[in-house]
Amino acid sequence: MDFRFGHTSLRVYDLKKSLDFYVGALGMKETRRKDYPGDFCLVFLKDAADTCELELTYNYDPKKPYEIGNGFAHLGFYVKDLKAAHKELKEKGYKVTEFSGLGGNKSSFFFVTDPDGYDIEIIREK
């Protein structure tokens, strides 16, 4: 049996802020939306290469922001121009870390925090 990865889902507190981040800052595109009025709304986004899908789950009238569990690490996105991405996200007011790397490469990735506090790793595409 062959399994194919479907999507990752994140619960979001403010759908507009989340769409501003994932669409406006990371360049994802909304592919479909399933609205269950008064209950919840699912918004599906795809990356520019059409290789991954992210589901934003917005529950209407959340009482408080969600707590991120201690088992969650991060989502990773590839980008060709790491320095330009870092500059752009910082200029848009998002919290970004300094450049980092593994195995002697000191500037192969950085992290940005989305509006709900999820860590997003931005990685230089090889």
PDB file of N, CA and C in Angstrom:
ATOM      1  N   MET A   1       0.844  -1.176   0.000  1.00  0.00           N
ATOM      2  CA  MET A   1       0.000   0.000   0.000  1.00  0.00           C
ATOM      3  C   MET A   1       0.889   1.239   0.000  1.00  0.00           C
ATOM      4  N   ASP A   2       0.590   2.183  -0.855  1.00  0.00           N
ATOM      5  CA  ASP A   2       1.348   3.429  -0.925  1.00  0.00           C
ATOM      6  C   ASP A   2       0.573   4.542  -0.236  1.00  0.00           C
ATOM      7  N   PHE A   3       1.241   5.192   0.717  1.00  0.00           N
ATOM      8  CA  PHE A   3       0.641   6.335   1.386  1.00  0.00           C
ATOM      9  C   PHE A   3       1.274   7.601   0.842  1.00  0.00           C
ATOM     10  N   ARG A   4       0.474   8.629   0.670  1.00  0.00           N
ATOM     11  CA  ARG A   4       0.946   9.927   0.215  1.00  0.00           C
ATOM     12  C   ARG A   4       0.531  10.946   1.263  1.00  0.00           C
ATOM     13  N   PHE A   5       1.478  11.787   1.683  1.00  0.00           N
ATOM     14  CA  PHE A   5       1.188  12.789   2.692  1.00  0.00           C
ATOM     15  C   PHE A   5       0.107  13.727   2.177  1.00  0.00           C
ATOM     16  N   GLY A   6      -0.897  14.015   3.000  1.00  0.00           N
ATOM     17  CA  GLY A   6      -2.022  14.846   2.588  1.00  0.00           C
ATOM     18  C   GLY A   6      -1.852  16.304   2.938  1.00  0.00           C
ATOM     19  N   HIS A   7      -1.808  16.606   4.231  1.00  0.00           N
ATOM     20  CA  HIS A   7      -1.689  17.993   4.647  1.00  0.00           C
ATOM     21  C   HIS A   7      -1.307  18.066   6.126  1.00  0.00           C
ATOM     22  N   THR A   8      -0.965  19.254   6.546  1.00  0.00           N
ATOM     23  CA  THR A   8      -0.757  19.568   7.952  1.00  0.00           C
ATOM     24  C   THR A   8      -1.845  20.555   8.340  1.00  0.00           C
ATOM     25  N   SER A   9      -2.399  20.399   9.523  1.00  0.00           N
ATOM     26  CA  SER A   9      -3.443  21.304   9.986  1.00  0.00           C
ATOM     27  C   SER A   9      -2.966  22.070  11.209  1.00  0.00           C
ATOM     28  N   LEU A  10      -3.227  23.368  11.213  1.00  0.00           N
ATOM     29  CA  LEU A  10      -2.936  24.214  12.363  1.00  0.00           C
ATOM     30  C   LEU A  10      -4.223  24.908  12.789  1.00  0.00           C
ATOM     31  N   ARG A  11      -4.491  24.918  14.080  1.00  0.00           N
ATOM     32  CA  ARG A  11      -5.617  25.691  14.595  1.00  0.00           C
ATOM     33  C   ARG A  11      -5.145  27.128  14.770  1.00  0.00           C
ATOM     34  N   VAL A  12      -5.929  28.056  14.250  1.00  0.00           N
ATOM     35  CA  VAL A  12      -5.531  29.466  14.289  1.00  0.00           C
ATOM     36  C   VAL A  12      -6.565  30.286  15.051  1.00  0.00           C
ATOM     37  N   TYR A  13      -6.093  31.295  15.745  1.00  0.00           N
ATOM     38  CA  TYR A  13      -6.944  32.154  16.563  1.00  0.00           C
ATOM     39  C   TYR A  13      -7.583  33.274  15.747  1.00  0.00           C
ATOM     40  N   ASP A  14      -6.818  33.850  14.819  1.00  0.00           N
ATOM     41  CA  ASP A  14      -7.296  34.958  13.993  1.00  0.00           C
ATOM     42  C   ASP A  14      -7.020  34.586  12.535  1.00  0.00           C
ATOM     43  N   LEU A  15      -8.067  34.186  11.811  1.00  0.00           N
ATOM     44  CA  LEU A  15      -7.909  33.690  10.454  1.00  0.00           C
ATOM     45  C   LEU A  15      -7.305  34.744   9.530  1.00  0.00           C
ATOM     46  N   LYS A  16      -7.721  35.996   9.659  1.00  0.00           N
ATOM     47  CA  LYS A  16      -7.201  37.051   8.799  1.00  0.00           C
ATOM     48  C   LYS A  16      -5.687  37.229   8.990  1.00  0.00           C
ATOM     49  N   LYS A  17      -5.247  37.281  10.243  1.00  0.00           N
ATOM     50  CA  LYS A  17      -3.807  37.428  10.514  1.00  0.00           C
ATOM     51  C   LYS A  17      -3.031  36.228   9.979  1.00  0.00           C
ATOM     52  N   SER A  18      -3.588  35.051  10.122  1.00  0.00           N
ATOM     53  CA  SER A  18      -2.912  33.849   9.632  1.00  0.00           C
ATOM     54  C   SER A  18      -2.823  33.861   8.113  1.00  0.00           C
ATOM     55  N   LEU A  19      -3.895  34.272   7.431  1.00  0.00           N
ATOM     56  CA  LEU A  19      -3.859  34.359   5.972  1.00  0.00           C
ATOM     57  C   LEU A  19      -2.893  35.452   5.516  1.00  0.00           C
ATOM     58  N   ASP A  20      -2.851  36.570   6.242  1.00  0.00           N
ATOM     59  CA  ASP A  20      -1.872  37.616   5.919  1.00  0.00           C
ATOM     60  C   ASP A  20      -0.459  37.049   5.972  1.00  0.00           C
ATOM     61  N   PHE A  21      -0.190  36.185   6.944  1.00  0.00           N
ATOM     62  CA  PHE A  21       1.144  35.596   7.092  1.00  0.00           C
ATOM     63  C   PHE A  21       1.414  34.549   6.008  1.00  0.00           C
ATOM     64  N   TYR A  22       0.573  33.532   5.920  1.00  0.00           N
ATOM     65  CA  TYR A  22       0.856  32.421   5.007  1.00  0.00           C
ATOM     66  C   TYR A  22       0.697  32.798   3.533  1.00  0.00           C
ATOM     67  N   VAL A  23      -0.274  33.645   3.218  1.00  0.00           N
ATOM     68  CA  VAL A  23      -0.475  34.086   1.834  1.00  0.00           C
ATOM     69  C   VAL A  23       0.369  35.320   1.550  1.00  0.00           C
ATOM     70  N   GLY A  24       0.236  36.334   2.392  1.00  0.00           N
ATOM     71  CA  GLY A  24       0.920  37.596   2.164  1.00  0.00           C
ATOM     72  C   GLY A  24       2.414  37.552   2.347  1.00  0.00           C
ATOM     73  N   ALA A  25       2.884  36.852   3.379  1.00  0.00           N
ATOM     74  CA  ALA A  25       4.322  36.832   3.669  1.00  0.00           C
ATOM     75  C   ALA A  25       5.041  35.623   3.062  1.00  0.00           C
ATOM     76  N   LEU A  26       4.404  34.453   3.072  1.00  0.00           N
ATOM     77  CA  LEU A  26       5.071  33.242   2.571  1.00  0.00           C
ATOM     78  C   LEU A  26       4.642  32.863   1.155  1.00  0.00           C
ATOM     79  N   GLY A  27       3.696  33.572   0.587  1.00  0.00           N
ATOM     80  CA  GLY A  27       3.331  33.349  -0.807  1.00  0.00           C
ATOM     81  C   GLY A  27       2.500  32.112  -1.091  1.00  0.00           C
ATOM     82  N   MET A  28       1.862  31.542  -0.070  1.00  0.00           N
ATOM     83  CA  MET A  28       0.999  30.397  -0.320  1.00  0.00           C
ATOM     84  C   MET A  28      -0.275  30.889  -0.991  1.00  0.00           C
ATOM     85  N   LYS A  29      -1.008  29.963  -1.617  1.00  0.00           N
ATOM     86  CA  LYS A  29      -2.243  30.312  -2.311  1.00  0.00           C
ATOM     87  C   LYS A  29      -3.396  29.490  -1.743  1.00  0.00           C
ATOM     88  N   GLU A  30      -4.512  30.179  -1.509  1.00  0.00           N
ATOM     89  CA  GLU A  30      -5.705  29.482  -1.026  1.00  0.00           C
ATOM     90  C   GLU A  30      -6.264  28.645  -2.165  1.00  0.00           C
ATOM     91  N   THR A  31      -6.483  27.356  -1.911  1.00  0.00           N
ATOM     92  CA  THR A  31      -6.996  26.459  -2.944  1.00  0.00           C
ATOM     93  C   THR A  31      -8.462  26.112  -2.740  1.00  0.00           C
ATOM     94  N   ARG A  32      -8.884  26.065  -1.506  1.00  0.00           N
ATOM     95  CA  ARG A  32     -10.298  25.809  -1.239  1.00  0.00           C
ATOM     96  C   ARG A  32     -10.609  26.173   0.209  1.00  0.00           C
ATOM     97  N   ARG A  33     -11.908  26.318   0.443  1.00  0.00           N
ATOM     98  CA  ARG A  33     -12.382  26.719   1.766  1.00  0.00           C
ATOM     99  C   ARG A  33     -13.673  25.959   2.044  1.00  0.00           C
ATOM    100  N   LYS A  34     -13.784  25.414   3.235  1.00  0.00           N
ATOM    101  CA  LYS A  34     -15.009  24.735   3.669  1.00  0.00           C
ATOM    102  C   LYS A  34     -15.488  25.449   4.922  1.00  0.00           C
ATOM    103  N   ASP A  35     -16.625  26.103   4.810  1.00  0.00           N
ATOM    104  CA  ASP A  35     -17.139  26.880   5.919  1.00  0.00           C
ATOM    105  C   ASP A  35     -18.350  26.182   6.531  1.00  0.00           C
ATOM    106  N   TYR A  36     -18.318  26.033   7.822  1.00  0.00           N
ATOM    107  CA  TYR A  36     -19.415  25.470   8.579  1.00  0.00           C
ATOM    108  C   TYR A  36     -19.877  26.575   9.525  1.00  0.00           C
ATOM    109  N   PRO A  37     -20.751  27.479   9.026  1.00  0.00           N
ATOM    110  CA  PRO A  37     -21.129  28.698   9.758  1.00  0.00           C
ATOM    111  C   PRO A  37     -21.510  28.426  11.217  1.00  0.00           C
ATOM    112  N   GLY A  38     -20.946  29.279  12.078  1.00  0.00           N
ATOM    113  CA  GLY A  38     -21.215  29.166  13.500  1.00  0.00           C
ATOM    114  C   GLY A  38     -20.386  28.113  14.200  1.00  0.00           C
ATOM    115  N   ASP A  39     -19.695  27.275  13.442  1.00  0.00           N
ATOM    116  CA  ASP A  39     -18.906  26.189  14.033  1.00  0.00           C
ATOM    117  C   ASP A  39     -17.423  26.394  13.718  1.00  0.00           C
ATOM    118  N   PHE A  40     -17.019  26.147  12.472  1.00  0.00           N
ATOM    119  CA  PHE A  40     -15.615  26.311  12.105  1.00  0.00           C
ATOM    120  C   PHE A  40     -15.469  26.501  10.607  1.00  0.00           C
ATOM    121  N   CYS A  41     -14.274  26.914  10.210  1.00  0.00           N
ATOM    122  CA  CYS A  41     -13.940  27.122   8.806  1.00  0.00           C
ATOM    123  C   CYS A  41     -12.576  26.491   8.546  1.00  0.00           C
ATOM    124  N   LEU A  42     -12.475  25.763   7.455  1.00  0.00           N
ATOM    125  CA  LEU A  42     -11.207  25.161   7.041  1.00  0.00           C
ATOM    126  C   LEU A  42     -10.732  25.878   5.784  1.00  0.00           C
ATOM    127  N   VAL A  43      -9.498  26.375   5.807  1.00  0.00           N
ATOM    128  CA  VAL A  43      -8.929  27.040   4.647  1.00  0.00           C
ATOM    129  C   VAL A  43      -7.680  26.252   4.250  1.00  0.00           C
ATOM    130  N   PHE A  44      -7.653  25.787   3.004  1.00  0.00           N
ATOM    131  CA  PHE A  44      -6.539  24.995   2.506  1.00  0.00           C
ATOM    132  C   PHE A  44      -5.634  25.875   1.645  1.00  0.00           C
ATOM    133  N   LEU A  45      -4.338  25.791   1.903  1.00  0.00           N
ATOM    134  CA  LEU A  45      -3.341  26.587   1.192  1.00  0.00           C
ATOM    135  C   LEU A  45      -2.307  25.661   0.584  1.00  0.00           C
ATOM    136  N   LYS A  46      -1.770  26.056  -0.576  1.00  0.00           N
ATOM    137  CA  LYS A  46      -0.682  25.300  -1.202  1.00  0.00           C
ATOM    138  C   LYS A  46       0.508  26.217  -1.412  1.00  0.00           C
ATOM    139  N   ASP A  47       1.690  25.626  -1.402  1.00  0.00           N
ATOM    140  CA  ASP A  47       2.901  26.398  -1.653  1.00  0.00           C
ATOM    141  C   ASP A  47       3.041  26.667  -3.145  1.00  0.00           C
ATOM    142  N   ALA A  48       4.010  27.509  -3.495  1.00  0.00           N
ATOM    143  CA  ALA A  48       4.199  27.925  -4.894  1.00  0.00           C
ATOM    144  C   ALA A  48       4.493  26.752  -5.817  1.00  0.00           C
ATOM    145  N   ALA A  49       5.159  25.726  -5.308  1.00  0.00           N
ATOM    146  CA  ALA A  49       5.512  24.569  -6.132  1.00  0.00           C
ATOM    147  C   ALA A  49       4.411  23.511  -6.149  1.00  0.00           C
ATOM    148  N   ASP A  50       3.338  23.758  -5.416  1.00  0.00           N
ATOM    149  CA  ASP A  50       2.217  22.823  -5.354  1.00  0.00           C
ATOM    150  C   ASP A  50       2.643  21.476  -4.784  1.00  0.00           C
ATOM    151  N   THR A  51       3.562  21.508  -3.811  1.00  0.00           N
ATOM    152  CA  THR A  51       4.082  20.265  -3.246  1.00  0.00           C
ATOM    153  C   THR A  51       3.578  19.966  -1.842  1.00  0.00           C
ATOM    154  N   CYS A  52       3.051  20.980  -1.158  1.00  0.00           N
ATOM    155  CA  CYS A  52       2.531  20.707   0.186  1.00  0.00           C
ATOM    156  C   CYS A  52       1.252  21.498   0.401  1.00  0.00           C
ATOM    157  N   GLU A  53       0.445  20.992   1.328  1.00  0.00           N
ATOM    158  CA  GLU A  53      -0.817  21.655   1.621  1.00  0.00           C
ATOM    159  C   GLU A  53      -0.911  21.888   3.125  1.00  0.00           C
ATOM    160  N   LEU A  54      -1.376  23.075   3.472  1.00  0.00           N
ATOM    161  CA  LEU A  54      -1.572  23.462   4.857  1.00  0.00           C
ATOM    162  C   LEU A  54      -3.049  23.764   5.061  1.00  0.00           C
ATOM    163  N   GLU A  55      -3.624  23.189   6.088  1.00  0.00           N
ATOM    164  CA  GLU A  55      -5.018  23.444   6.441  1.00  0.00           C
ATOM    165  C   GLU A  55      -5.039  24.338   7.667  1.00  0.00           C
ATOM    166  N   LEU A  56      -5.635  25.512   7.531  1.00  0.00           N
ATOM    167  CA  LEU A  56      -5.842  26.387   8.678  1.00  0.00           C
ATOM    168  C   LEU A  56      -7.243  26.122   9.198  1.00  0.00           C
ATOM    169  N   THR A  57      -7.346  25.753  10.461  1.00  0.00           N
ATOM    170  CA  THR A  57      -8.633  25.472  11.079  1.00  0.00           C
ATOM    171  C   THR A  57      -8.984  26.634  11.998  1.00  0.00           C
ATOM    172  N   TYR A  58     -10.068  27.313  11.643  1.00  0.00           N
ATOM    173  CA  TYR A  58     -10.516  28.444  12.453  1.00  0.00           C
ATOM    174  C   TYR A  58     -11.851  28.087  13.086  1.00  0.00           C
ATOM    175  N   ASN A  59     -11.879  27.996  14.408  1.00  0.00           N
ATOM    176  CA  ASN A  59     -13.117  27.775  15.150  1.00  0.00           C
ATOM    177  C   ASN A  59     -13.713  29.146  15.459  1.00  0.00           C
ATOM    178  N   TYR A  60     -14.960  29.346  15.088  1.00  0.00           N
ATOM    179  CA  TYR A  60     -15.596  30.645  15.317  1.00  0.00           C
ATOM    180  C   TYR A  60     -15.636  30.978  16.804  1.00  0.00           C
ATOM    181  N   ASP A  61     -15.347  32.232  17.083  1.00  0.00           N
ATOM    182  CA  ASP A  61     -15.396  32.782  18.442  1.00  0.00           C
ATOM    183  C   ASP A  61     -14.536  32.024  19.452  1.00  0.00           C
ATOM    184  N   PRO A  62     -13.254  31.818  19.140  1.00  0.00           N
ATOM    185  CA  PRO A  62     -12.405  31.168  20.141  1.00  0.00           C
ATOM    186  C   PRO A  62     -12.279  32.073  21.372  1.00  0.00           C
ATOM    187  N   LYS A  63     -12.260  31.473  22.527  1.00  0.00           N
ATOM    188  CA  LYS A  63     -12.212  32.252  23.772  1.00  0.00           C
ATOM    189  C   LYS A  63     -10.806  32.764  24.079  1.00  0.00           C
ATOM    190  N   LYS A  64      -9.785  32.015  23.647  1.00  0.00           N
ATOM    191  CA  LYS A  64      -8.400  32.426  23.891  1.00  0.00           C
ATOM    192  C   LYS A  64      -7.517  31.739  22.861  1.00  0.00           C
ATOM    193  N   PRO A  65      -6.306  32.268  22.669  1.00  0.00           N
ATOM    194  CA  PRO A  65      -5.389  31.619  21.719  1.00  0.00           C
ATOM    195  C   PRO A  65      -5.080  30.182  22.133  1.00  0.00           C
ATOM    196  N   TYR A  66      -4.733  29.358  21.152  1.00  0.00           N
ATOM    197  CA  TYR A  66      -4.412  27.961  21.414  1.00  0.00           C
ATOM    198  C   TYR A  66      -3.035  27.837  22.051  1.00  0.00           C
ATOM    199  N   GLU A  67      -2.867  26.801  22.843  1.00  0.00           N
ATOM    200  CA  GLU A  67      -1.561  26.499  23.406  1.00  0.00           C
ATOM    201  C   GLU A  67      -0.866  25.528  22.468  1.00  0.00           C
ATOM    202  N   ILE A  68       0.384  25.805  22.177  1.00  0.00           N
ATOM    203  CA  ILE A  68       1.160  24.918  21.310  1.00  0.00           C
ATOM    204  C   ILE A  68       1.772  23.839  22.191  1.00  0.00           C
ATOM    205  N   GLY A  69       1.506  22.584  21.866  1.00  0.00           N
ATOM    206  CA  GLY A  69       2.002  21.470  22.669  1.00  0.00           C
ATOM    207  C   GLY A  69       3.516  21.348  22.636  1.00  0.00           C
ATOM    208  N   ASN A  70       4.067  20.706  23.638  1.00  0.00           N
ATOM    209  CA  ASN A  70       5.526  20.589  23.716  1.00  0.00           C
ATOM    210  C   ASN A  70       6.087  19.533  22.778  1.00  0.00           C
ATOM    211  N   GLY A  71       5.232  18.826  22.040  1.00  0.00           N
ATOM    212  CA  GLY A  71       5.699  17.861  21.055  1.00  0.00           C
ATOM    213  C   GLY A  71       5.830  18.454  19.664  1.00  0.00           C
ATOM    214  N   PHE A  72       5.222  19.616  19.449  1.00  0.00           N
ATOM    215  CA  PHE A  72       5.299  20.261  18.139  1.00  0.00           C
ATOM    216  C   PHE A  72       6.644  20.948  18.006  1.00  0.00           C
ATOM    217  N   ALA A  73       7.287  20.795  16.848  1.00  0.00           N
ATOM    218  CA  ALA A  73       8.570  21.456  16.629  1.00  0.00           C
ATOM    219  C   ALA A  73       8.381  22.662  15.712  1.00  0.00           C
ATOM    220  N   HIS A  74       8.157  22.438  14.414  1.00  0.00           N
ATOM    221  CA  HIS A  74       8.021  23.553  13.474  1.00  0.00           C
ATOM    222  C   HIS A  74       7.581  23.052  12.107  1.00  0.00           C
ATOM    223  N   LEU A  75       7.223  24.004  11.233  1.00  0.00           N
ATOM    224  CA  LEU A  75       7.000  23.732   9.815  1.00  0.00           C
ATOM    225  C   LEU A  75       8.204  24.284   9.080  1.00  0.00           C
ATOM    226  N   GLY A  76       8.590  23.681   7.966  1.00  0.00           N
ATOM    227  CA  GLY A  76       9.738  24.153   7.198  1.00  0.00           C
ATOM    228  C   GLY A  76       9.349  24.554   5.790  1.00  0.00           C
ATOM    229  N   PHE A  77       9.869  25.700   5.343  1.00  0.00           N
ATOM    230  CA  PHE A  77       9.644  26.198   3.991  1.00  0.00           C
ATOM    231  C   PHE A  77      10.989  26.462   3.333  1.00  0.00           C
ATOM    232  N   TYR A  78      11.130  26.102   2.064  1.00  0.00           N
ATOM    233  CA  TYR A  78      12.347  26.371   1.298  1.00  0.00           C
ATOM    234  C   TYR A  78      12.201  27.684   0.548  1.00  0.00           C
ATOM    235  N   VAL A  79      13.326  28.399   0.405  1.00  0.00           N
ATOM    236  CA  VAL A  79      13.344  29.653  -0.339  1.00  0.00           C
ATOM    237  C   VAL A  79      14.700  29.779  -1.032  1.00  0.00           C
ATOM    238  N   LYS A  80      14.704  30.355  -2.228  1.00  0.00           N
ATOM    239  CA  LYS A  80      15.968  30.496  -2.973  1.00  0.00           C
ATOM    240  C   LYS A  80      16.862  31.575  -2.387  1.00  0.00           C
ATOM    241  N   ASP A  81      16.304  32.726  -2.035  1.00  0.00           N
ATOM    242  CA  ASP A  81      17.101  33.847  -1.522  1.00  0.00           C
ATOM    243  C   ASP A  81      16.819  34.016  -0.036  1.00  0.00           C
ATOM    244  N   LEU A  82      17.621  33.360   0.782  1.00  0.00           N
ATOM    245  CA  LEU A  82      17.409  33.346   2.226  1.00  0.00           C
ATOM    246  C   LEU A  82      17.539  34.742   2.834  1.00  0.00           C
ATOM    247  N   LYS A  83      18.548  35.487   2.412  1.00  0.00           N
ATOM    248  CA  LYS A  83      18.763  36.824   2.976  1.00  0.00           C
ATOM    249  C   LYS A  83      17.610  37.766   2.636  1.00  0.00           C
ATOM    250  N   ALA A  84      17.120  37.706   1.403  1.00  0.00           N
ATOM    251  CA  ALA A  84      15.995  38.562   0.999  1.00  0.00           C
ATOM    252  C   ALA A  84      14.732  38.188   1.779  1.00  0.00           C
ATOM    253  N   ALA A  85      14.506  36.889   1.990  1.00  0.00           N
ATOM    254  CA  ALA A  85      13.336  36.440   2.748  1.00  0.00           C
ATOM    255  C   ALA A  85      13.414  36.928   4.188  1.00  0.00           C
ATOM    256  N   HIS A  86      14.604  36.825   4.778  1.00  0.00           N
ATOM    257  CA  HIS A  86      14.818  37.285   6.149  1.00  0.00           C
ATOM    258  C   HIS A  86      14.494  38.774   6.263  1.00  0.00           C
ATOM    259  N   LYS A  87      15.033  39.559   5.345  1.00  0.00           N
ATOM    260  CA  LYS A  87      14.820  41.004   5.346  1.00  0.00           C
ATOM    261  C   LYS A  87      13.341  41.339   5.180  1.00  0.00           C
ATOM    262  N   GLU A  88      12.672  40.697   4.225  1.00  0.00           N
ATOM    263  CA  GLU A  88      11.266  40.973   3.942  1.00  0.00           C
ATOM    264  C   GLU A  88      10.374  40.658   5.137  1.00  0.00           C
ATOM    265  N   LEU A  89      10.574  39.493   5.757  1.00  0.00           N
ATOM    266  CA  LEU A  89       9.740  39.094   6.889  1.00  0.00           C
ATOM    267  C   LEU A  89       9.976  40.014   8.089  1.00  0.00           C
ATOM    268  N   LYS A  90      11.217  40.418   8.287  1.00  0.00           N
ATOM    269  CA  LYS A  90      11.545  41.340   9.379  1.00  0.00           C
ATOM    270  C   LYS A  90      10.896  42.700   9.139  1.00  0.00           C
ATOM    271  N   GLU A  91      10.959  43.191   7.899  1.00  0.00           N
ATOM    272  CA  GLU A  91      10.357  44.479   7.550  1.00  0.00           C
ATOM    273  C   GLU A  91       8.837  44.455   7.692  1.00  0.00           C
ATOM    274  N   LYS A  92       8.228  43.285   7.512  1.00  0.00           N
ATOM    275  CA  LYS A  92       6.775  43.157   7.677  1.00  0.00           C
ATOM    276  C   LYS A  92       6.376  43.066   9.149  1.00  0.00           C
ATOM    277  N   GLY A  93       7.367  43.069  10.029  1.00  0.00           N
ATOM    278  CA  GLY A  93       7.091  43.093  11.459  1.00  0.00           C
ATOM    279  C   GLY A  93       7.002  41.745  12.144  1.00  0.00           C
ATOM    280  N   TYR A  94       7.349  40.683  11.434  1.00  0.00           N
ATOM    281  CA  TYR A  94       7.308  39.367  12.061  1.00  0.00           C
ATOM    282  C   TYR A  94       8.569  39.134  12.892  1.00  0.00           C
ATOM    283  N   LYS A  95       8.442  38.318  13.922  1.00  0.00           N
ATOM    284  CA  LYS A  95       9.578  37.978  14.779  1.00  0.00           C
ATOM    285  C   LYS A  95      10.439  36.949  14.036  1.00  0.00           C
ATOM    286  N   VAL A  96      11.670  37.321  13.714  1.00  0.00           N
ATOM    287  CA  VAL A  96      12.581  36.409  13.022  1.00  0.00           C
ATOM    288  C   VAL A  96      13.853  36.248  13.846  1.00  0.00           C
ATOM    289  N   THR A  97      14.455  35.071  13.759  1.00  0.00           N
ATOM    290  CA  THR A  97      15.715  34.819  14.457  1.00  0.00           C
ATOM    291  C   THR A  97      16.875  35.227  13.556  1.00  0.00           C
ATOM    292  N   GLU A  98      18.053  35.176  14.109  1.00  0.00           N
ATOM    293  CA  GLU A  98      19.248  35.373  13.300  1.00  0.00           C
ATOM    294  C   GLU A  98      19.444  34.119  12.447  1.00  0.00           C
ATOM    295  N   PHE A  99      20.334  34.205  11.465  1.00  0.00           N
ATOM    296  CA  PHE A  99      20.646  33.054  10.623  1.00  0.00           C
ATOM    297  C   PHE A  99      21.335  31.983  11.456  1.00  0.00           C
ATOM    298  N   SER A 100      21.110  30.744  11.079  1.00  0.00           N
ATOM    299  CA  SER A 100      21.721  29.626  11.773  1.00  0.00           C
ATOM    300  C   SER A 100      22.073  28.551  10.754  1.00  0.00           C
ATOM    301  N   GLY A 101      22.714  27.499  11.222  1.00  0.00           N
ATOM    302  CA  GLY A 101      23.069  26.412  10.324  1.00  0.00           C
ATOM    303  C   GLY A 101      23.591  25.212  11.076  1.00  0.00           C
ATOM    304  N   LEU A 102      23.730  24.120  10.371  1.00  0.00           N
ATOM    305  CA  LEU A 102      24.249  22.878  10.934  1.00  0.00           C
ATOM    306  C   LEU A 102      25.478  22.448  10.142  1.00  0.00           C
ATOM    307  N   GLY A 103      26.348  21.738  10.765  1.00  0.00           N
ATOM    308  CA  GLY A 103      27.508  21.194  10.073  1.00  0.00           C
ATOM    309  C   GLY A 103      28.437  22.241   9.489  1.00  0.00           C
ATOM    310  N   GLY A 104      28.627  23.339  10.186  1.00  0.00           N
ATOM    311  CA  GLY A 104      29.556  24.355   9.718  1.00  0.00           C
ATOM    312  C   GLY A 104      28.952  25.406   8.810  1.00  0.00           C
ATOM    313  N   ASN A 105      27.750  25.182   8.306  1.00  0.00           N
ATOM    314  CA  ASN A 105      27.091  26.176   7.458  1.00  0.00           C
ATOM    315  C   ASN A 105      26.318  27.131   8.372  1.00  0.00           C
ATOM    316  N   LYS A 106      26.860  28.307   8.588  1.00  0.00           N
ATOM    317  CA  LYS A 106      26.312  29.236   9.575  1.00  0.00           C
ATOM    318  C   LYS A 106      25.079  30.003   9.115  1.00  0.00           C
ATOM    319  N   SER A 107      24.733  29.925   7.844  1.00  0.00           N
ATOM    320  CA  SER A 107      23.577  30.704   7.394  1.00  0.00           C
ATOM    321  C   SER A 107      22.722  29.929   6.391  1.00  0.00           C
ATOM    322  N   SER A 108      22.207  28.779   6.839  1.00  0.00           N
ATOM    323  CA  SER A 108      21.380  27.989   5.932  1.00  0.00           C
ATOM    324  C   SER A 108      19.893  28.044   6.278  1.00  0.00           C
ATOM    325  N   PHE A 109      19.551  28.626   7.435  1.00  0.00           N
ATOM    326  CA  PHE A 109      18.144  28.748   7.796  1.00  0.00           C
ATOM    327  C   PHE A 109      17.961  29.784   8.892  1.00  0.00           C
ATOM    328  N   PHE A 110      16.693  30.168   9.079  1.00  0.00           N
ATOM    329  CA  PHE A 110      16.294  30.989  10.218  1.00  0.00           C
ATOM    330  C   PHE A 110      14.850  30.631  10.540  1.00  0.00           C
ATOM    331  N   PHE A 111      14.358  31.127  11.646  1.00  0.00           N
ATOM    332  CA  PHE A 111      12.973  30.878  12.034  1.00  0.00           C
ATOM    333  C   PHE A 111      12.191  32.184  12.071  1.00  0.00           C
ATOM    334  N   VAL A 112      10.910  32.087  11.740  1.00  0.00           N
ATOM    335  CA  VAL A 112       9.975  33.193  11.866  1.00  0.00           C
ATOM    336  C   VAL A 112       8.772  32.650  12.640  1.00  0.00           C
ATOM    337  N   THR A 113       8.158  33.490  13.447  1.00  0.00           N
ATOM    338  CA  THR A 113       7.011  33.069  14.245  1.00  0.00           C
ATOM    339  C   THR A 113       5.726  33.575  13.594  1.00  0.00           C
ATOM    340  N   ASP A 114       4.765  32.670  13.392  1.00  0.00           N
ATOM    341  CA  ASP A 114       3.497  33.079  12.783  1.00  0.00           C
ATOM    342  C   ASP A 114       2.616  33.754  13.845  1.00  0.00           C
ATOM    343  N   PRO A 115       1.456  34.309  13.457  1.00  0.00           N
ATOM    344  CA  PRO A 115       0.627  35.040  14.418  1.00  0.00           C
ATOM    345  C   PRO A 115       0.128  34.225  15.614  1.00  0.00           C
ATOM    346  N   ASP A 116       0.107  32.905  15.495  1.00  0.00           N
ATOM    347  CA  ASP A 116      -0.333  32.070  16.608  1.00  0.00           C
ATOM    348  C   ASP A 116       0.816  31.532  17.443  1.00  0.00           C
ATOM    349  N   GLY A 117       2.049  31.884  17.093  1.00  0.00           N
ATOM    350  CA  GLY A 117       3.200  31.431  17.854  1.00  0.00           C
ATOM    351  C   GLY A 117       3.863  30.179  17.318  1.00  0.00           C
ATOM    352  N   TYR A 118       3.401  29.672  16.172  1.00  0.00           N
ATOM    353  CA  TYR A 118       4.039  28.503  15.572  1.00  0.00           C
ATOM    354  C   TYR A 118       5.375  28.915  14.967  1.00  0.00           C
ATOM    355  N   ASP A 119       6.399  28.103  15.184  1.00  0.00           N
ATOM    356  CA  ASP A 119       7.705  28.350  14.581  1.00  0.00           C
ATOM    357  C   ASP A 119       7.716  27.834  13.153  1.00  0.00           C
ATOM    358  N   ILE A 120       8.213  28.675  12.244  1.00  0.00           N
ATOM    359  CA  ILE A 120       8.329  28.323  10.841  1.00  0.00           C
ATOM    360  C   ILE A 120       9.793  28.445  10.469  1.00  0.00           C
ATOM    361  N   GLU A 121      10.389  27.343  10.030  1.00  0.00           N
ATOM    362  CA  GLU A 121      11.783  27.354   9.605  1.00  0.00           C
ATOM    363  C   GLU A 121      11.848  27.733   8.127  1.00  0.00           C
ATOM    364  N   ILE A 122      12.654  28.727   7.811  1.00  0.00           N
ATOM    365  CA  ILE A 122      12.865  29.157   6.440  1.00  0.00           C
ATOM    366  C   ILE A 122      14.265  28.668   6.064  1.00  0.00           C
ATOM    367  N   ILE A 123      14.345  27.789   5.052  1.00  0.00           N
ATOM    368  CA  ILE A 123      15.566  27.079   4.728  1.00  0.00           C
ATOM    369  C   ILE A 123      16.032  27.459   3.326  1.00  0.00           C
ATOM    370  N   ARG A 124      17.322  27.697   3.187  1.00  0.00           N
ATOM    371  CA  ARG A 124      17.878  27.987   1.863  1.00  0.00           C
ATOM    372  C   ARG A 124      17.740  26.744   0.994  1.00  0.00           C
ATOM    373  N   GLU A 125      17.098  26.905  -0.157  1.00  0.00           N
ATOM    374  CA  GLU A 125      16.929  25.804  -1.095  1.00  0.00           C
ATOM    375  C   GLU A 125      18.273  25.476  -1.714  1.00  0.00           C
ATOM    376  N   LYS A 126      18.573  24.195  -1.821  1.00  0.00           N
ATOM    377  CA  LYS A 126      19.847  23.763  -2.396  1.00  0.00           C
ATOM    378  C   LYS A 126      19.752  23.652  -3.892  1.00  0.00           C
TER     379      LYS A 126
END
